[in-house]
């Protein structure tokens, strides 16, 4: 199953990123477990220097900004394609 994590302190940019990720998943027709992580210790696990951060299947794919919905769709598709090529 696809997992998506939003890393951040809970600011408005974090909320915007979460909404953008949900919209991108809906447009892709993908099901995912979405988690909101506010623990700064977890940020270090992903080497996140600036929030918000977007993690797809345990890979940090965007940090420090809120990407557009099409960008998030591409980021998710890239992670899925990379994982498929490893299988």
PDB file of N, CA and C in Angstrom:
ATOM      1  N   UNK A   1       0.838  -1.188   0.000  1.00  0.00           N
ATOM      2  CA  UNK A   1       0.000   0.000   0.000  1.00  0.00           C
ATOM      3  C   UNK A   1       0.876   1.242   0.000  1.00  0.00           C
ATOM      4  N   UNK A   2       0.446   2.237  -0.702  1.00  0.00           N
ATOM      5  CA  UNK A   2       1.129   3.517  -0.797  1.00  0.00           C
ATOM      6  C   UNK A   2       1.001   4.259   0.528  1.00  0.00           C
ATOM      7  N   UNK A   3       2.106   4.828   1.007  1.00  0.00           N
ATOM      8  CA  UNK A   3       2.063   5.643   2.218  1.00  0.00           C
ATOM      9  C   UNK A   3       2.585   7.038   1.903  1.00  0.00           C
ATOM     10  N   UNK A   4       1.881   8.025   2.416  1.00  0.00           N
ATOM     11  CA  UNK A   4       2.257   9.419   2.220  1.00  0.00           C
ATOM     12  C   UNK A   4       2.315  10.069   3.595  1.00  0.00           C
ATOM     13  N   UNK A   5       3.420  10.759   3.863  1.00  0.00           N
ATOM     14  CA  UNK A   5       3.570  11.460   5.135  1.00  0.00           C
ATOM     15  C   UNK A   5       3.799  12.935   4.862  1.00  0.00           C
ATOM     16  N   UNK A   6       3.140  13.754   5.651  1.00  0.00           N
ATOM     17  CA  UNK A   6       3.358  15.194   5.636  1.00  0.00           C
ATOM     18  C   UNK A   6       4.158  15.498   6.899  1.00  0.00           C
ATOM     19  N   UNK A   7       5.343  16.053   6.744  1.00  0.00           N
ATOM     20  CA  UNK A   7       6.195  16.379   7.881  1.00  0.00           C
ATOM     21  C   UNK A   7       6.159  17.878   8.123  1.00  0.00           C
ATOM     22  N   UNK A   8       5.840  18.276   9.344  1.00  0.00           N
ATOM     23  CA  UNK A   8       5.833  19.687   9.672  1.00  0.00           C
ATOM     24  C   UNK A   8       5.206  19.946  11.024  1.00  0.00           C
ATOM     25  N   UNK A   9       5.316  21.196  11.485  1.00  0.00           N
ATOM     26  CA  UNK A   9       4.834  21.533  12.820  1.00  0.00           C
ATOM     27  C   UNK A   9       3.322  21.749  12.916  1.00  0.00           C
ATOM     28  N   UNK A  10       2.638  21.706  11.789  1.00  0.00           N
ATOM     29  CA  UNK A  10       1.189  21.930  11.809  1.00  0.00           C
ATOM     30  C   UNK A  10       0.800  23.310  11.312  1.00  0.00           C
ATOM     31  N   UNK A  11       1.671  23.937  10.563  1.00  0.00           N
ATOM     32  CA  UNK A  11       1.421  25.288  10.053  1.00  0.00           C
ATOM     33  C   UNK A  11       0.469  25.253   8.849  1.00  0.00           C
ATOM     34  N   UNK A  12       0.131  26.422   8.359  1.00  0.00           N
ATOM     35  CA  UNK A  12      -0.787  26.508   7.219  1.00  0.00           C
ATOM     36  C   UNK A  12      -0.188  25.874   5.964  1.00  0.00           C
ATOM     37  N   UNK A  13       1.135  25.965   5.784  1.00  0.00           N
ATOM     38  CA  UNK A  13       1.766  25.319   4.625  1.00  0.00           C
ATOM     39  C   UNK A  13       1.655  23.806   4.715  1.00  0.00           C
ATOM     40  N   UNK A  14       1.742  23.272   5.922  1.00  0.00           N
ATOM     41  CA  UNK A  14       1.591  21.824   6.118  1.00  0.00           C
ATOM     42  C   UNK A  14       0.169  21.403   5.741  1.00  0.00           C
ATOM     43  N   UNK A  15      -0.799  22.188   6.149  1.00  0.00           N
ATOM     44  CA  UNK A  15      -2.192  21.888   5.818  1.00  0.00           C
ATOM     45  C   UNK A  15      -2.423  21.963   4.318  1.00  0.00           C
ATOM     46  N   UNK A  16      -1.817  22.967   3.674  1.00  0.00           N
ATOM     47  CA  UNK A  16      -1.936  23.089   2.214  1.00  0.00           C
ATOM     48  C   UNK A  16      -1.303  21.904   1.509  1.00  0.00           C
ATOM     49  N   UNK A  17      -0.142  21.457   1.998  1.00  0.00           N
ATOM     50  CA  UNK A  17       0.523  20.301   1.402  1.00  0.00           C
ATOM     51  C   UNK A  17      -0.324  19.048   1.564  1.00  0.00           C
ATOM     52  N   UNK A  18      -0.920  18.878   2.717  1.00  0.00           N
ATOM     53  CA  UNK A  18      -1.781  17.710   2.938  1.00  0.00           C
ATOM     54  C   UNK A  18      -2.957  17.741   1.967  1.00  0.00           C
ATOM     55  N   UNK A  19      -3.598  18.888   1.817  1.00  0.00           N
ATOM     56  CA  UNK A  19      -4.737  19.009   0.895  1.00  0.00           C
ATOM     57  C   UNK A  19      -4.300  18.745  -0.548  1.00  0.00           C
ATOM     58  N   UNK A  20      -3.134  19.231  -0.915  1.00  0.00           N
ATOM     59  CA  UNK A  20      -2.604  19.017  -2.262  1.00  0.00           C
ATOM     60  C   UNK A  20      -2.318  17.536  -2.491  1.00  0.00           C
ATOM     61  N   UNK A  21      -1.749  16.869  -1.497  1.00  0.00           N
ATOM     62  CA  UNK A  21      -1.459  15.436  -1.617  1.00  0.00           C
ATOM     63  C   UNK A  21      -2.745  14.633  -1.760  1.00  0.00           C
ATOM     64  N   UNK A  22      -3.752  14.976  -0.982  1.00  0.00           N
ATOM     65  CA  UNK A  22      -5.039  14.280  -1.073  1.00  0.00           C
ATOM     66  C   UNK A  22      -5.638  14.467  -2.466  1.00  0.00           C
ATOM     67  N   UNK A  23      -5.593  15.692  -2.965  1.00  0.00           N
ATOM     68  CA  UNK A  23      -6.122  15.973  -4.304  1.00  0.00           C
ATOM     69  C   UNK A  23      -5.360  15.189  -5.381  1.00  0.00           C
ATOM     70  N   UNK A  24      -4.031  15.151  -5.264  1.00  0.00           N
ATOM     71  CA  UNK A  24      -3.215  14.430  -6.240  1.00  0.00           C
ATOM     72  C   UNK A  24      -3.541  12.939  -6.226  1.00  0.00           C
ATOM     73  N   UNK A  25      -3.698  12.377  -5.039  1.00  0.00           N
ATOM     74  CA  UNK A  25      -4.036  10.956  -4.929  1.00  0.00           C
ATOM     75  C   UNK A  25      -5.402  10.671  -5.548  1.00  0.00           C
ATOM     76  N   UNK A  26      -6.353  11.568  -5.311  1.00  0.00           N
ATOM     77  CA  UNK A  26      -7.686  11.397  -5.906  1.00  0.00           C
ATOM     78  C   UNK A  26      -7.605  11.443  -7.424  1.00  0.00           C
ATOM     79  N   UNK A  27      -6.820  12.375  -7.956  1.00  0.00           N
ATOM     80  CA  UNK A  27      -6.698  12.509  -9.407  1.00  0.00           C
ATOM     81  C   UNK A  27      -5.994  11.303 -10.021  1.00  0.00           C
ATOM     82  N   UNK A  28      -5.074  10.692  -9.275  1.00  0.00           N
ATOM     83  CA  UNK A  28      -4.383   9.498  -9.749  1.00  0.00           C
ATOM     84  C   UNK A  28      -5.225   8.238  -9.556  1.00  0.00           C
ATOM     85  N   UNK A  29      -6.265   8.356  -8.746  1.00  0.00           N
ATOM     86  CA  UNK A  29      -7.080   7.191  -8.425  1.00  0.00           C
ATOM     87  C   UNK A  29      -6.338   6.207  -7.544  1.00  0.00           C
ATOM     88  N   UNK A  30      -5.424   6.739  -6.739  1.00  0.00           N
ATOM     89  CA  UNK A  30      -4.588   5.894  -5.877  1.00  0.00           C
ATOM     90  C   UNK A  30      -5.085   5.936  -4.440  1.00  0.00           C
ATOM     91  N   UNK A  31      -5.032   4.792  -3.790  1.00  0.00           N
ATOM     92  CA  UNK A  31      -5.334   4.711  -2.365  1.00  0.00           C
ATOM     93  C   UNK A  31      -4.033   4.801  -1.604  1.00  0.00           C
ATOM     94  N   UNK A  32      -4.048   5.537  -0.515  1.00  0.00           N
ATOM     95  CA  UNK A  32      -2.834   5.691   0.280  1.00  0.00           C
ATOM     96  C   UNK A  32      -3.194   5.938   1.732  1.00  0.00           C
ATOM     97  N   UNK A  33      -2.312   5.505   2.595  1.00  0.00           N
ATOM     98  CA  UNK A  33      -2.410   5.857   4.001  1.00  0.00           C
ATOM     99  C   UNK A  33      -1.685   7.190   4.145  1.00  0.00           C
ATOM    100  N   UNK A  34      -2.389   8.188   4.660  1.00  0.00           N
ATOM    101  CA  UNK A  34      -1.791   9.513   4.819  1.00  0.00           C
ATOM    102  C   UNK A  34      -1.572   9.761   6.302  1.00  0.00           C
ATOM    103  N   UNK A  35      -0.346  10.166   6.632  1.00  0.00           N
ATOM    104  CA  UNK A  35       0.028  10.401   8.013  1.00  0.00           C
ATOM    105  C   UNK A  35       0.582  11.814   8.138  1.00  0.00           C
ATOM    106  N   UNK A  36       0.216  12.476   9.221  1.00  0.00           N
ATOM    107  CA  UNK A  36       0.704  13.815   9.501  1.00  0.00           C
ATOM    108  C   UNK A  36       1.697  13.687  10.650  1.00  0.00           C
ATOM    109  N   UNK A  37       2.967  13.979  10.399  1.00  0.00           N
ATOM    110  CA  UNK A  37       4.017  13.808  11.402  1.00  0.00           C
ATOM    111  C   UNK A  37       4.482  15.177  11.889  1.00  0.00           C
ATOM    112  N   UNK A  38       4.320  15.420  13.198  1.00  0.00           N
ATOM    113  CA  UNK A  38       4.714  16.701  13.773  1.00  0.00           C
ATOM    114  C   UNK A  38       5.908  16.583  14.724  1.00  0.00           C
ATOM    115  N   UNK A  39       6.420  15.391  14.904  1.00  0.00           N
ATOM    116  CA  UNK A  39       7.543  15.151  15.816  1.00  0.00           C
ATOM    117  C   UNK A  39       8.864  15.519  15.142  1.00  0.00           C
ATOM    118  N   UNK A  40       9.548  16.563  15.644  1.00  0.00           N
ATOM    119  CA  UNK A  40      10.812  16.979  15.033  1.00  0.00           C
ATOM    120  C   UNK A  40      11.862  15.864  14.973  1.00  0.00           C
ATOM    121  N   UNK A  41      11.822  14.917  15.898  1.00  0.00           N
ATOM    122  CA  UNK A  41      12.770  13.799  15.858  1.00  0.00           C
ATOM    123  C   UNK A  41      12.579  12.977  14.583  1.00  0.00           C
ATOM    124  N   UNK A  42      11.340  12.866  14.121  1.00  0.00           N
ATOM    125  CA  UNK A  42      11.063  12.133  12.876  1.00  0.00           C
ATOM    126  C   UNK A  42      11.584  12.897  11.666  1.00  0.00           C
ATOM    127  N   UNK A  43      11.605  14.231  11.737  1.00  0.00           N
ATOM    128  CA  UNK A  43      12.110  15.028  10.616  1.00  0.00           C
ATOM    129  C   UNK A  43      13.556  14.639  10.320  1.00  0.00           C
ATOM    130  N   UNK A  44      14.334  14.444  11.375  1.00  0.00           N
ATOM    131  CA  UNK A  44      15.740  14.076  11.225  1.00  0.00           C
ATOM    132  C   UNK A  44      15.918  12.739  10.540  1.00  0.00           C
ATOM    133  N   UNK A  45      14.987  11.844  10.763  1.00  0.00           N
ATOM    134  CA  UNK A  45      15.052  10.519  10.127  1.00  0.00           C
ATOM    135  C   UNK A  45      15.058  10.644   8.601  1.00  0.00           C
ATOM    136  N   UNK A  46      14.371  11.667   8.096  1.00  0.00           N
ATOM    137  CA  UNK A  46      14.285  11.887   6.650  1.00  0.00           C
ATOM    138  C   UNK A  46      15.250  12.970   6.166  1.00  0.00           C
ATOM    139  N   UNK A  47      16.070  13.470   7.077  1.00  0.00           N
ATOM    140  CA  UNK A  47      17.024  14.546   6.779  1.00  0.00           C
ATOM    141  C   UNK A  47      16.313  15.793   6.258  1.00  0.00           C
ATOM    142  N   UNK A  48      15.166  16.075   6.856  1.00  0.00           N
ATOM    143  CA  UNK A  48      14.380  17.255   6.479  1.00  0.00           C
ATOM    144  C   UNK A  48      14.956  18.478   7.169  1.00  0.00           C
ATOM    145  N   UNK A  49      15.353  19.474   6.394  1.00  0.00           N
ATOM    146  CA  UNK A  49      15.926  20.701   6.939  1.00  0.00           C
ATOM    147  C   UNK A  49      14.905  21.828   7.017  1.00  0.00           C
ATOM    148  N   UNK A  50      13.956  21.839   6.076  1.00  0.00           N
ATOM    149  CA  UNK A  50      12.927  22.878   6.051  1.00  0.00           C
ATOM    150  C   UNK A  50      11.571  22.217   5.854  1.00  0.00           C
ATOM    151  N   UNK A  51      10.594  22.673   6.616  1.00  0.00           N
ATOM    152  CA  UNK A  51       9.240  22.132   6.483  1.00  0.00           C
ATOM    153  C   UNK A  51       8.446  23.010   5.535  1.00  0.00           C
ATOM    154  N   UNK A  52       7.381  22.485   4.982  1.00  0.00           N
ATOM    155  CA  UNK A  52       6.881  21.126   5.140  1.00  0.00           C
ATOM    156  C   UNK A  52       7.657  20.147   4.271  1.00  0.00           C
ATOM    157  N   UNK A  53       7.519  18.877   4.616  1.00  0.00           N
ATOM    158  CA  UNK A  53       8.151  17.825   3.836  1.00  0.00           C
ATOM    159  C   UNK A  53       7.110  16.822   3.374  1.00  0.00           C
ATOM    160  N   UNK A  54       7.325  16.284   2.195  1.00  0.00           N
ATOM    161  CA  UNK A  54       6.439  15.269   1.637  1.00  0.00           C
ATOM    162  C   UNK A  54       7.238  13.980   1.470  1.00  0.00           C
ATOM    163  N   UNK A  55       6.754  12.916   2.108  1.00  0.00           N
ATOM    164  CA  UNK A  55       7.402  11.610   2.058  1.00  0.00           C
ATOM    165  C   UNK A  55       6.452  10.639   1.383  1.00  0.00           C
ATOM    166  N   UNK A  56       6.942   9.934   0.386  1.00  0.00           N
ATOM    167  CA  UNK A  56       6.146   8.918  -0.311  1.00  0.00           C
ATOM    168  C   UNK A  56       6.881   7.591  -0.171  1.00  0.00           C
ATOM    169  N   UNK A  57       6.199   6.620   0.421  1.00  0.00           N
ATOM    170  CA  UNK A  57       6.791   5.290   0.649  1.00  0.00           C
ATOM    171  C   UNK A  57       8.184   5.397   1.262  1.00  0.00           C
ATOM    172  N   UNK A  58       8.282   6.200   2.307  1.00  0.00           N
ATOM    173  CA  UNK A  58       9.500   6.376   3.106  1.00  0.00           C
ATOM    174  C   UNK A  58      10.629   7.115   2.388  1.00  0.00           C
ATOM    175  N   UNK A  59      10.322   7.808   1.304  1.00  0.00           N
ATOM    176  CA  UNK A  59      11.318   8.589   0.570  1.00  0.00           C
ATOM    177  C   UNK A  59      10.902  10.055   0.573  1.00  0.00           C
ATOM    178  N   UNK A  60      11.779  10.925   1.094  1.00  0.00           N
ATOM    179  CA  UNK A  60      11.513  12.358   1.079  1.00  0.00           C
ATOM    180  C   UNK A  60      11.593  12.831  -0.371  1.00  0.00           C
ATOM    181  N   UNK A  61      10.472  13.355  -0.901  1.00  0.00           N
ATOM    182  CA  UNK A  61      10.437  13.754  -2.307  1.00  0.00           C
ATOM    183  C   UNK A  61      10.331  15.262  -2.502  1.00  0.00           C
ATOM    184  N   UNK A  62       9.985  15.990  -1.441  1.00  0.00           N
ATOM    185  CA  UNK A  62       9.885  17.446  -1.553  1.00  0.00           C
ATOM    186  C   UNK A  62      10.019  18.041  -0.157  1.00  0.00           C
ATOM    187  N   UNK A  63      10.739  19.162  -0.059  1.00  0.00           N
ATOM    188  CA  UNK A  63      10.943  19.798   1.239  1.00  0.00           C
ATOM    189  C   UNK A  63      11.000  21.313   1.111  1.00  0.00           C
ATOM    190  N   UNK A  64      10.476  21.975   2.130  1.00  0.00           N
ATOM    191  CA  UNK A  64      10.603  23.426   2.229  1.00  0.00           C
ATOM    192  C   UNK A  64       9.648  24.244   1.391  1.00  0.00           C
ATOM    193  N   UNK A  65       8.706  23.591   0.730  1.00  0.00           N
ATOM    194  CA  UNK A  65       7.741  24.331  -0.088  1.00  0.00           C
ATOM    195  C   UNK A  65       6.496  23.472  -0.303  1.00  0.00           C
ATOM    196  N   UNK A  66       5.463  24.103  -0.834  1.00  0.00           N
ATOM    197  CA  UNK A  66       4.231  23.386  -1.163  1.00  0.00           C
ATOM    198  C   UNK A  66       4.169  23.259  -2.681  1.00  0.00           C
ATOM    199  N   UNK A  67       4.397  22.053  -3.196  1.00  0.00           N
ATOM    200  CA  UNK A  67       4.337  21.854  -4.645  1.00  0.00           C
ATOM    201  C   UNK A  67       2.897  21.906  -5.143  1.00  0.00           C
ATOM    202  N   UNK A  68       2.739  22.078  -6.435  1.00  0.00           N
ATOM    203  CA  UNK A  68       1.405  22.088  -7.033  1.00  0.00           C
ATOM    204  C   UNK A  68       0.865  20.659  -7.085  1.00  0.00           C
ATOM    205  N   UNK A  69      -0.428  20.542  -7.330  1.00  0.00           N
ATOM    206  CA  UNK A  69      -1.032  19.216  -7.451  1.00  0.00           C
ATOM    207  C   UNK A  69      -0.387  18.404  -8.569  1.00  0.00           C
ATOM    208  N   UNK A  70      -0.185  18.967  -9.769  1.00  0.00           N
ATOM    209  CA  UNK A  70       0.489  18.187 -10.822  1.00  0.00           C
ATOM    210  C   UNK A  70       1.907  17.740 -10.416  1.00  0.00           C
ATOM    211  N   UNK A  71       2.627  18.593  -9.676  1.00  0.00           N
ATOM    212  CA  UNK A  71       3.960  18.208  -9.209  1.00  0.00           C
ATOM    213  C   UNK A  71       3.882  17.015  -8.264  1.00  0.00           C
ATOM    214  N   UNK A  72       2.918  17.044  -7.344  1.00  0.00           N
ATOM    215  CA  UNK A  72       2.760  15.943  -6.393  1.00  0.00           C
ATOM    216  C   UNK A  72       2.384  14.666  -7.139  1.00  0.00           C
ATOM    217  N   UNK A  73       1.535  14.784  -8.139  1.00  0.00           N
ATOM    218  CA  UNK A  73       1.169  13.618  -8.942  1.00  0.00           C
ATOM    219  C   UNK A  73       2.422  13.014  -9.584  1.00  0.00           C
ATOM    220  N   UNK A  74       3.274  13.849 -10.128  1.00  0.00           N
ATOM    221  CA  UNK A  74       4.510  13.390 -10.756  1.00  0.00           C
ATOM    222  C   UNK A  74       5.447  12.763  -9.730  1.00  0.00           C
ATOM    223  N   UNK A  75       5.583  13.384  -8.565  1.00  0.00           N
ATOM    224  CA  UNK A  75       6.450  12.842  -7.520  1.00  0.00           C
ATOM    225  C   UNK A  75       5.990  11.452  -7.091  1.00  0.00           C
ATOM    226  N   UNK A  76       4.684  11.294  -6.902  1.00  0.00           N
ATOM    227  CA  UNK A  76       4.134   9.998  -6.505  1.00  0.00           C
ATOM    228  C   UNK A  76       4.351   8.970  -7.616  1.00  0.00           C
ATOM    229  N   UNK A  77       4.066   9.358  -8.849  1.00  0.00           N
ATOM    230  CA  UNK A  77       4.237   8.447  -9.985  1.00  0.00           C
ATOM    231  C   UNK A  77       5.694   8.028 -10.130  1.00  0.00           C
ATOM    232  N   UNK A  78       6.631   8.947  -9.905  1.00  0.00           N
ATOM    233  CA  UNK A  78       8.052   8.625 -10.007  1.00  0.00           C
ATOM    234  C   UNK A  78       8.475   7.597  -8.962  1.00  0.00           C
ATOM    235  N   UNK A  79       7.993   7.754  -7.737  1.00  0.00           N
ATOM    236  CA  UNK A  79       8.332   6.800  -6.672  1.00  0.00           C
ATOM    237  C   UNK A  79       7.764   5.423  -7.021  1.00  0.00           C
ATOM    238  N   UNK A  80       6.524   5.394  -7.492  1.00  0.00           N
ATOM    239  CA  UNK A  80       5.906   4.124  -7.845  1.00  0.00           C
ATOM    240  C   UNK A  80       6.632   3.448  -9.013  1.00  0.00           C
ATOM    241  N   UNK A  81       7.049   4.234 -10.004  1.00  0.00           N
ATOM    242  CA  UNK A  81       7.768   3.682 -11.153  1.00  0.00           C
ATOM    243  C   UNK A  81       9.132   3.151 -10.728  1.00  0.00           C
ATOM    244  N   UNK A  82       9.804   3.874  -9.852  1.00  0.00           N
ATOM    245  CA  UNK A  82      11.113   3.437  -9.352  1.00  0.00           C
ATOM    246  C   UNK A  82      10.991   2.118  -8.592  1.00  0.00           C
ATOM    247  N   UNK A  83       9.960   2.008  -7.766  1.00  0.00           N
ATOM    248  CA  UNK A  83       9.749   0.786  -7.008  1.00  0.00           C
ATOM    249  C   UNK A  83       9.379  -0.381  -7.927  1.00  0.00           C
ATOM    250  N   UNK A  84       8.608  -0.099  -8.960  1.00  0.00           N
ATOM    251  CA  UNK A  84       8.218  -1.144  -9.909  1.00  0.00           C
ATOM    252  C   UNK A  84       9.437  -1.664 -10.680  1.00  0.00           C
ATOM    253  N   UNK A  85      10.369  -0.768 -10.992  1.00  0.00           N
ATOM    254  CA  UNK A  85      11.554  -1.183 -11.743  1.00  0.00           C
ATOM    255  C   UNK A  85      12.499  -2.031 -10.887  1.00  0.00           C
ATOM    256  N   UNK A  86      12.422  -1.875  -9.577  1.00  0.00           N
ATOM    257  CA  UNK A  86      13.252  -2.680  -8.678  1.00  0.00           C
ATOM    258  C   UNK A  86      12.672  -4.080  -8.462  1.00  0.00           C
ATOM    259  N   UNK A  87      11.386  -4.249  -8.744  1.00  0.00           N
ATOM    260  CA  UNK A  87      10.732  -5.540  -8.499  1.00  0.00           C
ATOM    261  C   UNK A  87      11.010  -6.544  -9.579  1.00  0.00           C
TER     262      UNK A  87
END
